[in-house]
Amino acid sequence: MTEKVTVTLRKQKWEVEPGKSARKIMEELDLNPENFLTIRNGELVDESVRLKAGDHLKLVAVISGGSHGS
């Protein structure tokens, strides 16, 4: 049995096949890659990084908005 990649987003969790890019995984999960930062094993990485068996990919939503005036 091949070890999977664990993907988490908030309280959701998926087990996916290794060898794909973070971008491809997000697209397959119906998530817009432009809306998330990708953190592999605790390190911020580019969405083009290929994930290996046993990796943990955490997706963090990018929050945008106006600036706070002072």
N, C-alpha and C. Protein backbone atom coordinates (compact mmCIF):
# COMPACT_ATOMS: atom_id res chain seq x y z
N MET A 1 0.84 -1.18 0.00
CA MET A 1 0.00 0.00 0.00
C MET A 1 0.89 1.25 0.00
N THR A 2 0.65 2.15 -0.91
CA THR A 2 1.42 3.37 -1.03
C THR A 2 0.95 4.40 -0.02
N GLU A 3 1.93 5.02 0.65
CA GLU A 3 1.59 6.08 1.59
C GLU A 3 1.05 7.28 0.82
N LYS A 4 0.07 7.94 1.38
CA LYS A 4 -0.60 9.06 0.72
C LYS A 4 -0.04 10.39 1.19
N VAL A 5 -0.54 11.45 0.57
CA VAL A 5 -0.29 12.82 1.00
C VAL A 5 -1.54 13.24 1.76
N THR A 6 -1.36 13.82 2.93
CA THR A 6 -2.48 14.32 3.71
C THR A 6 -2.64 15.80 3.42
N VAL A 7 -3.85 16.20 3.05
CA VAL A 7 -4.16 17.60 2.75
C VAL A 7 -5.19 18.08 3.77
N THR A 8 -4.92 19.22 4.39
CA THR A 8 -5.89 19.78 5.33
C THR A 8 -6.22 21.22 4.96
N LEU A 9 -7.48 21.55 5.17
CA LEU A 9 -7.99 22.91 4.99
C LEU A 9 -9.01 23.12 6.10
N ARG A 10 -8.65 23.97 7.05
CA ARG A 10 -9.48 24.18 8.23
C ARG A 10 -9.75 22.83 8.89
N LYS A 11 -10.99 22.41 8.97
CA LYS A 11 -11.32 21.13 9.63
C LYS A 11 -11.51 19.99 8.63
N GLN A 12 -11.29 20.27 7.34
CA GLN A 12 -11.42 19.23 6.32
C GLN A 12 -10.08 18.55 6.11
N LYS A 13 -10.15 17.27 5.76
CA LYS A 13 -8.93 16.49 5.56
C LYS A 13 -9.14 15.52 4.40
N TRP A 14 -8.14 15.43 3.53
CA TRP A 14 -8.17 14.50 2.40
C TRP A 14 -6.88 13.69 2.38
N GLU A 15 -6.95 12.49 1.84
CA GLU A 15 -5.78 11.65 1.57
C GLU A 15 -5.71 11.53 0.05
N VAL A 16 -4.59 11.96 -0.54
CA VAL A 16 -4.46 11.95 -2.00
C VAL A 16 -3.17 11.23 -2.41
N GLU A 17 -3.11 10.87 -3.67
CA GLU A 17 -1.95 10.18 -4.21
C GLU A 17 -0.75 11.14 -4.32
N PRO A 18 0.45 10.66 -4.02
CA PRO A 18 1.65 11.49 -4.16
C PRO A 18 2.03 11.68 -5.63
N GLY A 19 2.96 12.60 -5.88
CA GLY A 19 3.50 12.80 -7.22
C GLY A 19 2.87 13.95 -7.99
N LYS A 20 1.84 14.56 -7.41
CA LYS A 20 1.17 15.68 -8.07
C LYS A 20 1.63 16.99 -7.45
N SER A 21 1.46 18.07 -8.19
CA SER A 21 1.77 19.39 -7.65
C SER A 21 0.66 19.82 -6.70
N ALA A 22 0.99 20.74 -5.81
CA ALA A 22 -0.02 21.28 -4.89
C ALA A 22 -1.15 21.92 -5.69
N ARG A 23 -0.81 22.62 -6.77
CA ARG A 23 -1.82 23.25 -7.63
C ARG A 23 -2.78 22.20 -8.20
N LYS A 24 -2.24 21.11 -8.71
CA LYS A 24 -3.07 20.06 -9.31
C LYS A 24 -4.00 19.44 -8.27
N ILE A 25 -3.48 19.23 -7.08
CA ILE A 25 -4.31 18.67 -6.01
C ILE A 25 -5.45 19.61 -5.68
N MET A 26 -5.16 20.91 -5.56
CA MET A 26 -6.22 21.88 -5.26
C MET A 26 -7.27 21.89 -6.36
N GLU A 27 -6.83 21.85 -7.62
CA GLU A 27 -7.78 21.83 -8.74
C GLU A 27 -8.66 20.58 -8.67
N GLU A 28 -8.06 19.43 -8.35
CA GLU A 28 -8.84 18.19 -8.26
C GLU A 28 -9.83 18.22 -7.10
N LEU A 29 -9.52 19.01 -6.07
CA LEU A 29 -10.44 19.15 -4.93
C LEU A 29 -11.44 20.28 -5.14
N ASP A 30 -11.43 20.84 -6.35
CA ASP A 30 -12.35 21.93 -6.71
C ASP A 30 -12.08 23.20 -5.90
N LEU A 31 -10.81 23.45 -5.61
CA LEU A 31 -10.39 24.65 -4.89
C LEU A 31 -9.60 25.54 -5.84
N ASN A 32 -9.79 26.85 -5.75
CA ASN A 32 -9.06 27.79 -6.60
C ASN A 32 -7.67 28.01 -6.00
N PRO A 33 -6.60 27.57 -6.67
CA PRO A 33 -5.24 27.71 -6.14
C PRO A 33 -4.85 29.15 -5.82
N GLU A 34 -5.49 30.12 -6.47
CA GLU A 34 -5.17 31.52 -6.23
C GLU A 34 -5.62 31.98 -4.84
N ASN A 35 -6.47 31.20 -4.19
CA ASN A 35 -7.04 31.60 -2.89
C ASN A 35 -6.32 31.01 -1.68
N PHE A 36 -5.22 30.26 -1.92
CA PHE A 36 -4.59 29.55 -0.81
C PHE A 36 -3.07 29.65 -0.83
N LEU A 37 -2.50 29.69 0.38
CA LEU A 37 -1.06 29.50 0.55
C LEU A 37 -0.87 28.01 0.78
N THR A 38 0.26 27.48 0.32
CA THR A 38 0.53 26.05 0.47
C THR A 38 1.71 25.86 1.42
N ILE A 39 1.46 25.06 2.46
CA ILE A 39 2.48 24.79 3.47
C ILE A 39 2.71 23.29 3.49
N ARG A 40 3.92 22.88 3.12
CA ARG A 40 4.27 21.45 3.09
C ARG A 40 5.17 21.15 4.28
N ASN A 41 4.73 20.25 5.12
CA ASN A 41 5.51 19.83 6.29
C ASN A 41 6.01 21.02 7.10
N GLY A 42 5.15 22.03 7.25
CA GLY A 42 5.47 23.19 8.06
C GLY A 42 6.23 24.30 7.36
N GLU A 43 6.52 24.15 6.07
CA GLU A 43 7.29 25.14 5.32
C GLU A 43 6.46 25.69 4.15
N LEU A 44 6.40 27.01 4.04
CA LEU A 44 5.69 27.65 2.94
C LEU A 44 6.38 27.29 1.63
N VAL A 45 5.62 26.77 0.67
CA VAL A 45 6.18 26.35 -0.62
C VAL A 45 5.33 26.90 -1.76
N ASP A 46 5.92 26.91 -2.93
CA ASP A 46 5.24 27.32 -4.15
C ASP A 46 4.24 26.23 -4.54
N GLU A 47 3.14 26.62 -5.15
CA GLU A 47 2.10 25.66 -5.53
C GLU A 47 2.55 24.67 -6.60
N SER A 48 3.70 24.92 -7.23
CA SER A 48 4.19 24.00 -8.26
C SER A 48 4.98 22.83 -7.66
N VAL A 49 5.25 22.85 -6.36
CA VAL A 49 6.03 21.79 -5.72
C VAL A 49 5.28 20.46 -5.83
N ARG A 50 6.03 19.40 -6.14
CA ARG A 50 5.45 18.05 -6.23
C ARG A 50 5.50 17.41 -4.85
N LEU A 51 4.39 16.80 -4.47
CA LEU A 51 4.29 16.22 -3.14
C LEU A 51 4.66 14.74 -3.16
N LYS A 52 5.34 14.33 -2.09
CA LYS A 52 5.81 12.96 -1.96
C LYS A 52 4.98 12.22 -0.92
N ALA A 53 5.05 10.90 -0.97
CA ALA A 53 4.35 10.07 0.00
C ALA A 53 4.75 10.49 1.41
N GLY A 54 3.76 10.63 2.27
CA GLY A 54 4.02 11.01 3.65
C GLY A 54 4.00 12.51 3.91
N ASP A 55 3.99 13.31 2.85
CA ASP A 55 3.94 14.77 3.02
C ASP A 55 2.60 15.18 3.63
N HIS A 56 2.64 16.29 4.35
CA HIS A 56 1.41 16.91 4.85
C HIS A 56 1.31 18.28 4.22
N LEU A 57 0.24 18.52 3.49
CA LEU A 57 0.00 19.80 2.83
C LEU A 57 -1.12 20.51 3.56
N LYS A 58 -0.81 21.67 4.11
CA LYS A 58 -1.83 22.50 4.77
C LYS A 58 -2.15 23.66 3.85
N LEU A 59 -3.43 23.86 3.59
CA LEU A 59 -3.88 24.98 2.77
C LEU A 59 -4.42 26.07 3.69
N VAL A 60 -3.92 27.28 3.49
CA VAL A 60 -4.34 28.41 4.31
C VAL A 60 -4.96 29.45 3.39
N ALA A 61 -6.20 29.80 3.67
CA ALA A 61 -6.92 30.77 2.84
C ALA A 61 -6.23 32.13 2.92
N VAL A 62 -6.06 32.75 1.76
CA VAL A 62 -5.50 34.10 1.68
C VAL A 62 -6.64 35.06 1.94
N ILE A 63 -6.43 35.96 2.86
CA ILE A 63 -7.45 36.95 3.19
C ILE A 63 -7.01 38.28 2.63
N SER A 64 -7.89 38.89 1.84
CA SER A 64 -7.56 40.19 1.28
C SER A 64 -8.62 41.18 1.70
N GLY A 65 -8.25 42.41 1.69
CA GLY A 65 -9.21 43.44 2.07
C GLY A 65 -8.54 44.79 2.09
N GLY A 66 -9.26 45.77 2.51
CA GLY A 66 -8.75 47.13 2.55
C GLY A 66 -7.77 47.33 3.68
N SER A 67 -7.03 48.41 3.59
CA SER A 67 -6.09 48.73 4.65
C SER A 67 -6.80 49.50 5.77
N HIS A 68 -6.22 49.43 6.93
CA HIS A 68 -6.77 50.16 8.07
C HIS A 68 -6.13 51.53 8.12
N GLY A 69 -6.92 52.56 8.02
CA GLY A 69 -6.40 53.93 8.06
C GLY A 69 -6.05 54.34 9.47
N SER A 70 -5.04 55.19 9.60
CA SER A 70 -4.71 55.67 10.94
C SER A 70 -4.73 57.17 10.98
